[in-house]
Amino acid sequence: MNMMHAAVFTGPGRIILGRKPVPVAGPGEAIIKITLTTICGTDVHILKGEYPVRDGLTIGHEPVGTIAELGPGVTGYHIGQRVVVGAITPCGQCNTCLDGHQSQCGGHAIGGWRFGNTIDGCQAEYLKVPFAMANLAPIPDELTDEQVLMCPDIMSTGFGGAERGGIRLGDSVAIFAQGPIGLCATAGARLRGASRIIVVDALPERLAAARKLGADHTIDYRDTDPVEEIRRLTGGDGVDVAIEALGTQQTFENCLRVLKPGGTLSSLGVYSGKLALPVDAFAAGLADQTLVTTLCPGGKERMRRLMAIVASGRLDLQPLITHRFRLEQIEDAYELFANQRDGVLKVAIRP
């Protein structure tokens, strides 16, 4: 039996480099040899035991690689072809997918998120891809692995927050937290035509990255009350769209407090514990405001569109990759990323 290295969850606080059998493709499936992947904030939630998965699961949901095996029924691809696969792998055939909610594939919440959640993920040498015909997206020859590494999750999720927020030409937008997803929300807001983008964080390198991606105003919440400052910048009106990109009660509540009547709160954070709606910030439910949530849009057409944006030169997310590790160094990579040391934004993991 062929064996491979993989990042394995063994219980809260422990993701280790382990050994597992190389997967085999069944009908409708494909095996890709991972050439590049990364660690997501959601993986850190798993590491800390804040999001439950089974012991022994391979973690990771942001794969870039080459096709190593095609199962029966998978056509139009060839061995060795470079592909990217979304973090969300919809079947494309169930009622929920056909109703336009591919991320909720199967008709239950977050059903489309399989990698590193319900099946083995991609922080490994090889990955089994379900519903391959709906999820294998060929990488254009002119793009490198690093150029498309953000497409499976970070770019798709951040852009999804801007899209679900319904940002219109000339809108004012506030984005709380400028981690990788928040930064992509900033870039997405700019591409959708926002005229004023206000971002909030505390790390200088993240605020600097936000300015490069289109932020007009940056607020360090350690020095300035962000709610008061955003209200001041908008003449007391509040913003058209507020995007929550961290997943805490405080940032969620702050989004409500800077939102104008009739505005939209677009929530991207992964919350743990109880989330409350303060009555005053919620205007007792009478402000005609909209609250929307987003789970990373997936599928090969979504990936094709994101890669087309990268190929056009309109957006370069490679600067978000601040650190690079071999798969054999995965435990060191988690230690760095989970503790947000050394100015880390995203890490690239290469088997």
Protein backbone atom coordinates (compact mmCIF):
# COMPACT_ATOMS: atom_id res chain seq x y z
CA MET A 1 0.00 0.00 0.00
CA ASN A 2 1.38 3.40 -1.02
CA MET A 3 1.67 5.82 1.89
CA MET A 4 1.86 9.61 2.09
CA HIS A 5 2.43 12.36 4.62
CA ALA A 6 -0.57 14.34 5.88
CA ALA A 7 -1.45 16.91 8.54
CA VAL A 8 -3.69 14.95 10.91
CA PHE A 9 -5.97 16.28 13.66
CA THR A 10 -5.51 14.10 16.75
CA GLY A 11 -7.52 16.10 19.27
CA PRO A 12 -7.87 19.71 20.49
CA GLY A 13 -4.51 21.45 20.40
CA ARG A 14 -2.82 18.81 18.21
CA ILE A 15 -2.37 18.69 14.46
CA ILE A 16 0.61 16.47 13.62
CA LEU A 17 2.46 15.25 10.56
CA GLY A 18 1.26 11.67 10.11
CA ARG A 19 1.24 8.87 7.56
CA LYS A 20 -1.83 7.73 5.62
CA PRO A 21 -2.58 5.55 2.60
CA VAL A 22 -2.64 7.37 -0.73
CA PRO A 23 -6.34 7.66 -1.70
CA VAL A 24 -7.82 5.85 -4.71
CA ALA A 25 -10.39 7.38 -7.05
CA GLY A 26 -13.87 5.87 -7.24
CA PRO A 27 -16.62 6.67 -9.75
CA GLY A 28 -16.92 10.40 -10.31
CA GLU A 29 -13.81 11.13 -8.22
CA ALA A 30 -10.29 12.31 -8.97
CA ILE A 31 -6.98 12.20 -7.13
CA ILE A 32 -4.78 15.25 -7.31
CA LYS A 33 -1.17 15.46 -6.29
CA ILE A 34 -0.92 18.56 -4.12
CA THR A 35 1.67 21.06 -5.31
CA LEU A 36 0.65 23.93 -3.02
CA THR A 37 -1.80 24.56 -0.20
CA THR A 38 -2.13 26.79 2.85
CA ILE A 39 -3.56 27.10 6.37
CA CYS A 40 -6.87 28.85 6.97
CA GLY A 41 -8.21 30.54 10.08
CA THR A 42 -10.90 27.87 10.14
CA ASP A 43 -8.16 25.26 10.49
CA VAL A 44 -7.04 27.12 13.61
CA HIS A 45 -10.61 26.93 14.98
CA ILE A 46 -10.35 23.15 14.43
CA LEU A 47 -6.93 23.01 16.09
CA LYS A 48 -8.29 24.82 19.16
CA GLY A 49 -11.32 22.54 19.40
CA GLU A 50 -13.71 25.41 18.62
CA TYR A 51 -15.04 23.58 15.56
CA PRO A 52 -15.50 19.82 16.02
CA VAL A 53 -14.09 17.28 13.56
CA ARG A 54 -13.24 13.63 14.09
CA ASP A 55 -9.85 12.53 15.34
CA GLY A 56 -7.62 11.22 12.56
CA LEU A 57 -8.96 13.61 9.90
CA THR A 58 -6.54 15.19 7.43
CA ILE A 59 -6.97 18.97 7.64
CA GLY A 60 -6.95 21.60 4.89
CA HIS A 61 -9.33 22.86 2.20
CA GLU A 62 -7.34 25.06 -0.21
CA PRO A 63 -5.82 22.73 -2.83
CA VAL A 64 -3.70 23.43 -5.90
CA GLY A 65 -2.22 20.46 -7.71
CA THR A 66 -1.99 18.17 -10.71
CA ILE A 67 -4.32 15.34 -11.64
CA ALA A 68 -2.84 11.98 -10.63
CA GLU A 69 -5.86 9.71 -11.23
CA LEU A 70 -9.33 10.00 -12.78
CA GLY A 71 -12.15 7.74 -11.65
CA PRO A 72 -14.78 6.25 -13.95
CA GLY A 73 -17.08 8.88 -15.43
CA VAL A 74 -14.65 11.78 -15.14
CA THR A 75 -13.99 13.04 -18.66
CA GLY A 76 -12.46 16.07 -20.33
CA TYR A 77 -9.37 16.10 -18.12
CA HIS A 78 -5.96 14.43 -18.37
CA ILE A 79 -3.31 13.07 -16.02
CA GLY A 80 -0.76 15.75 -15.11
CA GLN A 81 -3.16 18.63 -15.77
CA ARG A 82 -2.82 21.53 -13.33
CA VAL A 83 -6.03 22.25 -11.44
CA VAL A 84 -7.39 24.24 -8.54
CA VAL A 85 -10.30 22.93 -6.46
CA GLY A 86 -12.56 25.13 -4.36
CA ALA A 87 -12.75 24.70 -0.61
CA ILE A 88 -16.45 23.99 -1.18
CA THR A 89 -17.17 20.99 -3.43
CA PRO A 90 -20.83 21.06 -4.53
CA CYS A 91 -22.28 18.04 -6.29
CA GLY A 92 -24.08 20.31 -8.76
CA GLN A 93 -27.06 17.95 -8.91
CA CYS A 94 -29.01 18.11 -5.62
CA ASN A 95 -32.02 20.37 -5.13
CA THR A 96 -29.97 22.84 -3.06
CA CYS A 97 -27.26 23.15 -5.73
CA LEU A 98 -29.82 23.50 -8.49
CA ASP A 99 -31.55 26.20 -6.42
CA GLY A 100 -28.33 28.24 -6.54
CA HIS A 101 -27.02 27.49 -3.04
CA GLN A 102 -24.05 25.27 -3.88
CA SER A 103 -22.26 25.97 -0.59
CA GLN A 104 -25.16 24.28 1.23
CA CYS A 105 -24.97 21.19 -1.01
CA GLY A 106 -27.11 18.31 0.21
CA GLY A 107 -29.69 20.51 1.89
CA HIS A 108 -28.00 20.95 5.27
CA ALA A 109 -25.98 23.87 6.63
CA ILE A 110 -22.40 24.11 5.28
CA GLY A 111 -22.97 20.81 3.45
CA GLY A 112 -20.65 21.77 0.62
CA TRP A 113 -17.64 22.08 2.93
CA ARG A 114 -16.14 18.61 2.91
CA PHE A 115 -12.33 18.89 2.77
CA GLY A 116 -10.91 18.87 6.29
CA ASN A 117 -14.43 18.80 7.72
CA THR A 118 -16.24 15.58 6.77
CA ILE A 119 -13.60 14.00 4.50
CA ASP A 120 -9.81 14.11 4.39
CA GLY A 121 -8.41 17.46 3.34
CA CYS A 122 -5.49 18.74 1.32
CA GLN A 123 -2.64 19.38 3.77
CA ALA A 124 -1.19 16.17 2.39
CA GLU A 125 0.65 14.82 -0.62
CA TYR A 126 -2.53 13.60 -2.34
CA LEU A 127 -6.23 14.53 -2.16
CA LYS A 128 -9.39 12.73 -3.25
CA VAL A 129 -11.82 15.15 -4.95
CA PRO A 130 -15.53 14.22 -4.88
CA PHE A 131 -17.85 15.22 -7.74
CA ALA A 132 -14.77 15.91 -9.83
CA MET A 133 -16.65 17.01 -12.93
CA ALA A 134 -18.19 19.88 -10.95
CA ASN A 135 -15.04 20.87 -9.10
CA LEU A 136 -11.82 20.47 -11.10
CA ALA A 137 -10.89 23.89 -12.54
CA PRO A 138 -7.94 23.90 -14.99
CA ILE A 139 -5.29 26.52 -14.22
CA PRO A 140 -4.36 28.75 -17.17
CA ASP A 141 -0.78 28.13 -18.30
CA GLU A 142 0.22 31.74 -17.67
CA LEU A 143 -0.64 31.58 -13.96
CA THR A 144 1.63 30.14 -11.27
CA ASP A 145 0.49 28.05 -8.32
CA GLU A 146 1.07 30.96 -5.95
CA GLN A 147 -1.03 33.29 -8.10
CA VAL A 148 -4.09 31.03 -7.72
CA LEU A 149 -3.52 29.82 -4.14
CA MET A 150 -6.05 32.27 -2.69
CA CYS A 151 -8.83 31.27 -5.12
CA PRO A 152 -10.16 28.13 -3.33
CA ASP A 153 -11.23 29.93 -0.16
CA ILE A 154 -9.79 33.30 0.86
CA MET A 155 -10.49 35.15 -2.39
CA SER A 156 -13.82 33.42 -2.96
CA THR A 157 -14.99 34.07 0.60
CA GLY A 158 -13.84 37.69 0.76
CA PHE A 159 -15.33 38.49 -2.62
CA GLY A 160 -18.46 36.61 -1.57
CA GLY A 161 -18.87 38.97 1.37
CA ALA A 162 -18.72 41.95 -0.96
CA GLU A 163 -21.11 40.32 -3.43
CA ARG A 164 -23.64 39.21 -0.81
CA GLY A 165 -23.48 42.69 0.69
CA GLY A 166 -24.81 43.99 -2.61
CA ILE A 167 -22.19 46.73 -2.89
CA ARG A 168 -23.23 49.25 -5.51
CA LEU A 169 -21.31 51.92 -7.40
CA GLY A 170 -20.56 54.78 -5.03
CA ASP A 171 -21.34 52.87 -1.81
CA SER A 172 -19.52 53.47 1.46
CA VAL A 173 -18.23 50.26 3.05
CA ALA A 174 -16.71 49.45 6.44
CA ILE A 175 -14.77 46.21 6.89
CA PHE A 176 -13.90 45.00 10.37
CA ALA A 177 -10.70 42.90 10.50
CA GLN A 178 -8.05 42.78 7.81
CA GLY A 179 -6.88 39.22 7.99
CA PRO A 180 -6.64 37.46 4.62
CA ILE A 181 -10.43 37.20 4.20
CA GLY A 182 -10.98 40.81 5.26
CA LEU A 183 -8.29 41.94 2.84
CA CYS A 184 -10.02 40.07 0.02
CA ALA A 185 -13.31 41.68 1.04
CA THR A 186 -11.54 45.04 0.73
CA ALA A 187 -10.32 44.14 -2.77
CA GLY A 188 -13.79 42.88 -3.69
CA ALA A 189 -15.44 46.07 -2.47
CA ARG A 190 -13.11 48.13 -4.64
CA LEU A 191 -13.78 45.96 -7.73
CA ARG A 192 -17.53 46.30 -7.17
CA GLY A 193 -17.29 50.09 -7.26
CA ALA A 194 -17.36 51.25 -3.64
CA SER A 195 -16.30 54.89 -3.46
CA ARG A 196 -15.25 54.90 0.20
CA ILE A 197 -13.76 51.87 1.92
CA ILE A 198 -12.98 52.11 5.64
CA VAL A 199 -11.12 49.23 7.28
CA VAL A 200 -10.41 48.40 10.91
CA ASP A 201 -7.55 46.37 12.37
CA ALA A 202 -4.65 46.79 14.77
CA LEU A 203 -1.68 45.29 12.91
CA PRO A 204 0.28 47.86 10.87
CA GLU A 205 1.23 45.35 8.16
CA ARG A 206 -2.42 44.44 7.63
CA LEU A 207 -3.52 48.06 7.44
CA ALA A 208 -0.72 48.71 4.94
CA ALA A 209 -1.86 45.73 2.85
CA ALA A 210 -5.43 47.05 2.97
CA ARG A 211 -4.33 50.39 1.55
CA LYS A 212 -2.62 48.61 -1.35
CA LEU A 213 -5.81 46.65 -2.06
CA GLY A 214 -8.06 49.70 -2.14
CA ALA A 215 -8.87 50.96 1.36
CA ASP A 216 -9.38 54.73 1.54
CA HIS A 217 -9.26 55.00 5.35
CA THR A 218 -7.56 52.72 7.85
CA ILE A 219 -8.41 52.71 11.55
CA ASP A 220 -6.25 51.21 14.29
CA TYR A 221 -8.80 50.31 16.94
CA ARG A 222 -6.15 50.51 19.66
CA ASP A 223 -5.83 54.26 19.05
CA THR A 224 -9.28 55.27 17.85
CA ASP A 225 -12.83 54.17 18.60
CA PRO A 226 -13.77 52.69 15.22
CA VAL A 227 -17.52 53.29 15.60
CA GLU A 228 -17.06 56.96 16.40
CA GLU A 229 -14.51 57.42 13.62
CA ILE A 230 -16.63 55.71 10.97
CA ARG A 231 -19.62 57.77 12.02
CA ARG A 232 -17.47 60.90 11.72
CA LEU A 233 -16.15 59.91 8.29
CA THR A 234 -19.70 59.36 7.02
CA GLY A 235 -21.09 62.59 8.45
CA GLY A 236 -23.06 60.66 11.03
CA ASP A 237 -25.00 58.69 8.41
CA GLY A 238 -23.25 55.35 8.69
CA VAL A 239 -22.11 53.09 5.85
CA ASP A 240 -24.15 51.40 3.15
CA VAL A 241 -22.48 48.04 3.78
CA ALA A 242 -20.58 46.73 6.81
CA ILE A 243 -18.56 43.52 6.46
CA GLU A 244 -17.66 41.46 9.53
CA ALA A 245 -14.56 39.37 8.80
CA LEU A 246 -13.40 38.12 12.20
CA GLY A 247 -16.20 36.26 13.97
CA THR A 248 -16.47 37.96 17.37
CA GLN A 249 -19.34 39.56 19.25
CA GLN A 250 -17.54 42.90 19.35
CA THR A 251 -16.86 43.18 15.62
CA PHE A 252 -20.36 41.97 14.77
CA GLU A 253 -21.89 44.54 17.09
CA ASN A 254 -19.64 47.30 15.76
CA CYS A 255 -20.82 46.52 12.24
CA LEU A 256 -24.40 47.09 13.37
CA ARG A 257 -23.45 50.36 15.07
CA VAL A 258 -21.88 51.85 11.92
CA LEU A 259 -24.62 50.68 9.54
CA LYS A 260 -27.05 53.23 8.15
CA PRO A 261 -30.81 52.57 8.12
CA GLY A 262 -31.53 50.39 5.11
CA GLY A 263 -27.94 49.16 4.99
CA THR A 264 -26.58 45.62 4.82
CA LEU A 265 -24.42 43.74 7.31
CA SER A 266 -22.48 41.05 5.46
CA SER A 267 -21.10 38.50 7.90
CA LEU A 268 -18.07 36.38 6.99
CA GLY A 269 -16.83 35.42 10.46
CA VAL A 270 -16.94 31.93 11.94
CA TYR A 271 -18.54 32.38 15.36
CA SER A 272 -18.16 30.18 18.41
CA GLY A 273 -20.31 30.42 21.50
CA LYS A 274 -23.32 32.72 21.67
CA LEU A 275 -23.87 35.66 19.32
CA ALA A 276 -26.24 38.38 20.57
CA LEU A 277 -28.09 41.21 18.84
CA PRO A 278 -27.97 44.38 20.97
CA VAL A 279 -31.39 45.98 20.75
CA ASP A 280 -30.12 49.55 20.44
CA ALA A 281 -27.65 48.79 17.65
CA PHE A 282 -30.31 46.69 15.93
CA ALA A 283 -32.75 49.61 16.23
CA ALA A 284 -35.22 47.17 17.80
CA GLY A 285 -35.42 45.47 14.39
CA LEU A 286 -37.05 48.52 12.75
CA ALA A 287 -34.21 49.99 10.65
CA ASP A 288 -34.93 48.10 7.39
CA GLN A 289 -31.45 46.63 7.61
CA THR A 290 -30.41 43.37 5.99
CA LEU A 291 -28.20 40.71 7.57
CA VAL A 292 -26.58 38.21 5.21
CA THR A 293 -24.07 35.41 5.74
CA THR A 294 -21.69 33.76 3.30
CA LEU A 295 -20.01 30.38 3.04
CA CYS A 296 -17.23 30.40 0.46
CA PRO A 297 -18.74 29.89 -3.02
CA GLY A 298 -17.20 26.85 -4.70
CA GLY A 299 -17.33 24.80 -7.88
CA LYS A 300 -15.24 24.96 -11.02
CA GLU A 301 -17.08 27.91 -12.60
CA ARG A 302 -16.47 30.03 -9.50
CA MET A 303 -12.79 29.08 -9.61
CA ARG A 304 -12.60 29.89 -13.34
CA ARG A 305 -14.01 33.36 -12.74
CA LEU A 306 -11.62 34.10 -9.88
CA MET A 307 -8.63 32.94 -11.91
CA ALA A 308 -9.82 35.14 -14.78
CA ILE A 309 -9.63 38.16 -12.45
CA VAL A 310 -6.07 37.22 -11.48
CA ALA A 311 -5.08 36.62 -15.12
CA SER A 312 -6.49 40.03 -16.12
CA GLY A 313 -3.99 41.76 -13.84
CA ARG A 314 -6.74 43.51 -11.88
CA LEU A 315 -5.70 41.88 -8.62
CA ASP A 316 -2.48 40.37 -7.29
CA LEU A 317 -2.85 38.46 -4.01
CA GLN A 318 0.63 36.94 -3.98
CA PRO A 319 1.84 39.55 -1.44
CA LEU A 320 -0.53 37.93 1.08
CA ILE A 321 1.82 34.93 1.12
CA THR A 322 4.30 36.00 3.76
CA HIS A 323 5.80 32.64 4.78
CA ARG A 324 6.60 29.37 3.02
CA PHE A 325 6.99 25.90 4.52
CA ARG A 326 7.44 22.32 3.40
CA LEU A 327 4.69 19.89 4.38
CA GLU A 328 7.21 18.27 6.74
CA GLN A 329 7.23 21.59 8.65
CA ILE A 330 3.44 21.73 9.04
CA GLU A 331 3.55 21.77 12.85
CA ASP A 332 5.89 24.79 12.78
CA ALA A 333 3.61 26.46 10.23
CA TYR A 334 0.59 26.01 12.51
CA GLU A 335 2.48 27.37 15.48
CA LEU A 336 3.40 30.51 13.54
CA PHE A 337 0.01 31.03 11.93
CA ALA A 338 -2.15 30.24 14.97
CA ASN A 339 -0.19 32.70 17.11
CA GLN A 340 -0.02 35.37 14.39
CA ARG A 341 3.74 35.76 14.77
CA ASP A 342 6.25 37.51 12.53
CA GLY A 343 3.66 39.54 10.59
CA VAL A 344 2.12 36.43 9.03
CA LEU A 345 -0.80 36.82 6.64
CA LYS A 346 -0.86 33.50 4.75
CA VAL A 347 1.57 30.59 4.63
CA ALA A 348 2.25 28.48 1.55
CA ILE A 349 2.67 24.76 2.23
CA ARG A 350 4.46 22.71 -0.43
CA PRO A 351 4.76 18.91 -0.22
